[in-house]
Amino acid sequence: MGKIGIIKEFTQYLFKSRKWWLATVVIMLLLLGALIVLTQGSAIAPFIYTLF
């Protein structure tokens, strides 16, 4: 089972159990992780790390 299988299983779980807040949490964590990875080598990095 690859990454697509995990995503498919997660979406099936969301539709079955109707826990929509869980999708919001996962999306926000992915966006936060992408923000940290993409700004890692830039001049903005010190300002982002001070938020945490």
PDB file of N, CA and C in Angstrom:
ATOM      1  N   MET A   1       0.847  -1.178   0.000  1.00  0.00           N
ATOM      2  CA  MET A   1       0.000   0.000   0.000  1.00  0.00           C
ATOM      3  C   MET A   1       0.892   1.240   0.000  1.00  0.00           C
ATOM      4  N   GLY A   2       0.756   2.062  -0.999  1.00  0.00           N
ATOM      5  CA  GLY A   2       1.588   3.245  -1.122  1.00  0.00           C
ATOM      6  C   GLY A   2       0.923   4.473  -0.541  1.00  0.00           C
ATOM      7  N   LYS A   3       1.451   5.610  -0.930  1.00  0.00           N
ATOM      8  CA  LYS A   3       0.923   6.881  -0.434  1.00  0.00           C
ATOM      9  C   LYS A   3      -0.504   7.111  -0.900  1.00  0.00           C
ATOM     10  N   ILE A   4      -0.801   6.713  -2.117  1.00  0.00           N
ATOM     11  CA  ILE A   4      -2.155   6.912  -2.643  1.00  0.00           C
ATOM     12  C   ILE A   4      -3.146   6.064  -1.865  1.00  0.00           C
ATOM     13  N   GLY A   5      -2.737   4.881  -1.445  1.00  0.00           N
ATOM     14  CA  GLY A   5      -3.601   4.016  -0.650  1.00  0.00           C
ATOM     15  C   GLY A   5      -3.936   4.636   0.701  1.00  0.00           C
ATOM     16  N   ILE A   6      -2.960   5.294   1.291  1.00  0.00           N
ATOM     17  CA  ILE A   6      -3.181   5.949   2.574  1.00  0.00           C
ATOM     18  C   ILE A   6      -4.160   7.108   2.414  1.00  0.00           C
ATOM     19  N   ILE A   7      -3.990   7.885   1.356  1.00  0.00           N
ATOM     20  CA  ILE A   7      -4.888   9.015   1.103  1.00  0.00           C
ATOM     21  C   ILE A   7      -6.301   8.526   0.833  1.00  0.00           C
ATOM     22  N   LYS A   8      -6.420   7.465   0.059  1.00  0.00           N
ATOM     23  CA  LYS A   8      -7.733   6.893  -0.249  1.00  0.00           C
ATOM     24  C   LYS A   8      -8.411   6.377   1.017  1.00  0.00           C
ATOM     25  N   GLU A   9      -7.659   5.680   1.847  1.00  0.00           N
ATOM     26  CA  GLU A   9      -8.210   5.152   3.087  1.00  0.00           C
ATOM     27  C   GLU A   9      -8.637   6.282   4.026  1.00  0.00           C
ATOM     28  N   PHE A  10      -7.842   7.352   4.078  1.00  0.00           N
ATOM     29  CA  PHE A  10      -8.169   8.498   4.920  1.00  0.00           C
ATOM     30  C   PHE A  10      -9.454   9.182   4.461  1.00  0.00           C
ATOM     31  N   THR A  11      -9.600   9.373   3.146  1.00  0.00           N
ATOM     32  CA  THR A  11     -10.824  10.010   2.644  1.00  0.00           C
ATOM     33  C   THR A  11     -12.047   9.126   2.860  1.00  0.00           C
ATOM     34  N   GLN A  12     -11.890   7.824   2.724  1.00  0.00           N
ATOM     35  CA  GLN A  12     -13.012   6.925   3.008  1.00  0.00           C
ATOM     36  C   GLN A  12     -13.414   7.013   4.469  1.00  0.00           C
ATOM     37  N   TYR A  13     -12.429   7.114   5.349  1.00  0.00           N
ATOM     38  CA  TYR A  13     -12.715   7.256   6.779  1.00  0.00           C
ATOM     39  C   TYR A  13     -13.470   8.552   7.050  1.00  0.00           C
ATOM     40  N   LEU A  14     -13.044   9.648   6.384  1.00  0.00           N
ATOM     41  CA  LEU A  14     -13.717  10.934   6.599  1.00  0.00           C
ATOM     42  C   LEU A  14     -15.167  10.890   6.149  1.00  0.00           C
ATOM     43  N   PHE A  15     -15.427  10.286   4.999  1.00  0.00           N
ATOM     44  CA  PHE A  15     -16.803  10.214   4.505  1.00  0.00           C
ATOM     45  C   PHE A  15     -17.668   9.298   5.369  1.00  0.00           C
ATOM     46  N   LYS A  16     -17.065   8.242   5.872  1.00  0.00           N
ATOM     47  CA  LYS A  16     -17.829   7.283   6.657  1.00  0.00           C
ATOM     48  C   LYS A  16     -18.149   7.814   8.057  1.00  0.00           C
ATOM     49  N   SER A  17     -17.174   8.423   8.704  1.00  0.00           N
ATOM     50  CA  SER A  17     -17.371   8.858  10.083  1.00  0.00           C
ATOM     51  C   SER A  17     -17.767  10.325  10.211  1.00  0.00           C
ATOM     52  N   ARG A  18     -17.717  11.068   9.113  1.00  0.00           N
ATOM     53  CA  ARG A  18     -18.085  12.492   9.073  1.00  0.00           C
ATOM     54  C   ARG A  18     -17.306  13.349  10.077  1.00  0.00           C
ATOM     55  N   LYS A  19     -16.027  13.116  10.145  1.00  0.00           N
ATOM     56  CA  LYS A  19     -15.153  13.905  11.007  1.00  0.00           C
ATOM     57  C   LYS A  19     -14.392  14.911  10.137  1.00  0.00           C
ATOM     58  N   TRP A  20     -15.081  15.951   9.728  1.00  0.00           N
ATOM     59  CA  TRP A  20     -14.506  16.920   8.798  1.00  0.00           C
ATOM     60  C   TRP A  20     -13.423  17.778   9.446  1.00  0.00           C
ATOM     61  N   TRP A  21     -13.488  17.941  10.762  1.00  0.00           N
ATOM     62  CA  TRP A  21     -12.478  18.740  11.438  1.00  0.00           C
ATOM     63  C   TRP A  21     -11.097  18.083  11.311  1.00  0.00           C
ATOM     64  N   LEU A  22     -11.073  16.780  11.173  1.00  0.00           N
ATOM     65  CA  LEU A  22      -9.803  16.069  11.050  1.00  0.00           C
ATOM     66  C   LEU A  22      -9.098  16.420   9.735  1.00  0.00           C
ATOM     67  N   ALA A  23      -9.869  16.593   8.680  1.00  0.00           N
ATOM     68  CA  ALA A  23      -9.288  16.984   7.394  1.00  0.00           C
ATOM     69  C   ALA A  23      -8.658  18.376   7.491  1.00  0.00           C
ATOM     70  N   THR A  24      -9.299  19.274   8.207  1.00  0.00           N
ATOM     71  CA  THR A  24      -8.763  20.625   8.376  1.00  0.00           C
ATOM     72  C   THR A  24      -7.435  20.588   9.124  1.00  0.00           C
ATOM     73  N   VAL A  25      -7.354  19.782  10.152  1.00  0.00           N
ATOM     74  CA  VAL A  25      -6.122  19.672  10.931  1.00  0.00           C
ATOM     75  C   VAL A  25      -4.989  19.124  10.063  1.00  0.00           C
ATOM     76  N   VAL A  26      -5.270  18.099   9.292  1.00  0.00           N
ATOM     77  CA  VAL A  26      -4.239  17.493   8.443  1.00  0.00           C
ATOM     78  C   VAL A  26      -3.771  18.480   7.375  1.00  0.00           C
ATOM     79  N   ILE A  27      -4.683  19.201   6.762  1.00  0.00           N
ATOM     80  CA  ILE A  27      -4.316  20.182   5.731  1.00  0.00           C
ATOM     81  C   ILE A  27      -3.465  21.293   6.327  1.00  0.00           C
ATOM     82  N   MET A  28      -3.825  21.778   7.505  1.00  0.00           N
ATOM     83  CA  MET A  28      -3.046  22.843   8.136  1.00  0.00           C
ATOM     84  C   MET A  28      -1.638  22.356   8.508  1.00  0.00           C
ATOM     85  N   LEU A  29      -1.518  21.115   8.981  1.00  0.00           N
ATOM     86  CA  LEU A  29      -0.195  20.576   9.290  1.00  0.00           C
ATOM     87  C   LEU A  29       0.664  20.424   8.039  1.00  0.00           C
ATOM     88  N   LEU A  30       0.048  19.993   6.942  1.00  0.00           N
ATOM     89  CA  LEU A  30       0.793  19.885   5.684  1.00  0.00           C
ATOM     90  C   LEU A  30       1.247  21.256   5.181  1.00  0.00           C
ATOM     91  N   LEU A  31       0.382  22.253   5.275  1.00  0.00           N
ATOM     92  CA  LEU A  31       0.759  23.607   4.853  1.00  0.00           C
ATOM     93  C   LEU A  31       1.865  24.184   5.726  1.00  0.00           C
ATOM     94  N   LEU A  32       1.783  23.948   7.019  1.00  0.00           N
ATOM     95  CA  LEU A  32       2.819  24.432   7.927  1.00  0.00           C
ATOM     96  C   LEU A  32       4.159  23.754   7.642  1.00  0.00           C
ATOM     97  N   GLY A  33       4.121  22.456   7.394  1.00  0.00           N
ATOM     98  CA  GLY A  33       5.347  21.739   7.053  1.00  0.00           C
ATOM     99  C   GLY A  33       5.944  22.225   5.747  1.00  0.00           C
ATOM    100  N   ALA A  34       5.085  22.467   4.748  1.00  0.00           N
ATOM    101  CA  ALA A  34       5.577  22.981   3.462  1.00  0.00           C
ATOM    102  C   ALA A  34       6.175  24.369   3.624  1.00  0.00           C
ATOM    103  N   LEU A  35       5.570  25.197   4.454  1.00  0.00           N
ATOM    104  CA  LEU A  35       6.095  26.539   4.699  1.00  0.00           C
ATOM    105  C   LEU A  35       7.483  26.480   5.315  1.00  0.00           C
ATOM    106  N   ILE A  36       7.665  25.596   6.268  1.00  0.00           N
ATOM    107  CA  ILE A  36       8.973  25.472   6.923  1.00  0.00           C
ATOM    108  C   ILE A  36      10.019  24.936   5.951  1.00  0.00           C
ATOM    109  N   VAL A  37       9.657  23.955   5.141  1.00  0.00           N
ATOM    110  CA  VAL A  37      10.614  23.375   4.198  1.00  0.00           C
ATOM    111  C   VAL A  37      10.981  24.376   3.105  1.00  0.00           C
ATOM    112  N   LEU A  38       9.998  25.096   2.582  1.00  0.00           N
ATOM    113  CA  LEU A  38      10.264  26.015   1.481  1.00  0.00           C
ATOM    114  C   LEU A  38      11.031  27.265   1.910  1.00  0.00           C
ATOM    115  N   THR A  39      10.888  27.688   3.143  1.00  0.00           N
ATOM    116  CA  THR A  39      11.581  28.897   3.594  1.00  0.00           C
ATOM    117  C   THR A  39      12.837  28.576   4.390  1.00  0.00           C
ATOM    118  N   GLN A  40      13.266  27.348   4.342  1.00  0.00           N
ATOM    119  CA  GLN A  40      14.409  26.903   5.131  1.00  0.00           C
ATOM    120  C   GLN A  40      15.686  27.673   4.789  1.00  0.00           C
ATOM    121  N   GLY A  41      15.936  27.918   3.543  1.00  0.00           N
ATOM    122  CA  GLY A  41      17.186  28.569   3.158  1.00  0.00           C
ATOM    123  C   GLY A  41      17.035  30.035   2.828  1.00  0.00           C
ATOM    124  N   SER A  42      15.942  30.625   3.170  1.00  0.00           N
ATOM    125  CA  SER A  42      15.732  32.025   2.790  1.00  0.00           C
ATOM    126  C   SER A  42      15.962  32.967   3.969  1.00  0.00           C
ATOM    127  N   ALA A  43      15.848  34.240   3.695  1.00  0.00           N
ATOM    128  CA  ALA A  43      16.023  35.251   4.735  1.00  0.00           C
ATOM    129  C   ALA A  43      14.801  35.352   5.638  1.00  0.00           C
ATOM    130  N   ILE A  44      13.701  34.718   5.255  1.00  0.00           N
ATOM    131  CA  ILE A  44      12.472  34.776   6.054  1.00  0.00           C
ATOM    132  C   ILE A  44      12.519  33.762   7.194  1.00  0.00           C
ATOM    133  N   ALA A  45      13.381  32.776   7.094  1.00  0.00           N
ATOM    134  CA  ALA A  45      13.425  31.676   8.061  1.00  0.00           C
ATOM    135  C   ALA A  45      13.534  32.127   9.519  1.00  0.00           C
ATOM    136  N   PRO A  46      14.387  33.074   9.862  1.00  0.00           N
ATOM    137  CA  PRO A  46      14.458  33.469  11.283  1.00  0.00           C
ATOM    138  C   PRO A  46      13.139  34.036  11.814  1.00  0.00           C
ATOM    139  N   PHE A  47      12.381  34.689  10.969  1.00  0.00           N
ATOM    140  CA  PHE A  47      11.115  35.268  11.423  1.00  0.00           C
ATOM    141  C   PHE A  47      10.048  34.191  11.607  1.00  0.00           C
ATOM    142  N   ILE A  48      10.083  33.153  10.775  1.00  0.00           N
ATOM    143  CA  ILE A  48       9.119  32.061  10.909  1.00  0.00           C
ATOM    144  C   ILE A  48       9.420  31.238  12.149  1.00  0.00           C
ATOM    145  N   TYR A  49      10.674  30.978  12.428  1.00  0.00           N
ATOM    146  CA  TYR A  49      11.043  30.168  13.580  1.00  0.00           C
ATOM    147  C   TYR A  49      10.755  30.882  14.889  1.00  0.00           C
ATOM    148  N   THR A  50      10.705  32.215  14.889  1.00  0.00           N
ATOM    149  CA  THR A  50      10.377  32.908  16.125  1.00  0.00           C
ATOM    150  C   THR A  50       8.903  32.751  16.495  1.00  0.00           C
ATOM    151  N   LEU A  51       8.067  32.349  15.535  1.00  0.00           N
ATOM    152  CA  LEU A  51       6.665  32.121  15.840  1.00  0.00           C
ATOM    153  C   LEU A  51       6.474  30.877  16.694  1.00  0.00           C
ATOM    154  N   PHE A  52       7.411  29.963  16.637  1.00  0.00           N
ATOM    155  CA  PHE A  52       7.299  28.713  17.377  1.00  0.00           C
ATOM    156  C   PHE A  52       8.260  28.700  18.508  1.00  0.00           C
TER     157      PHE A  52
END
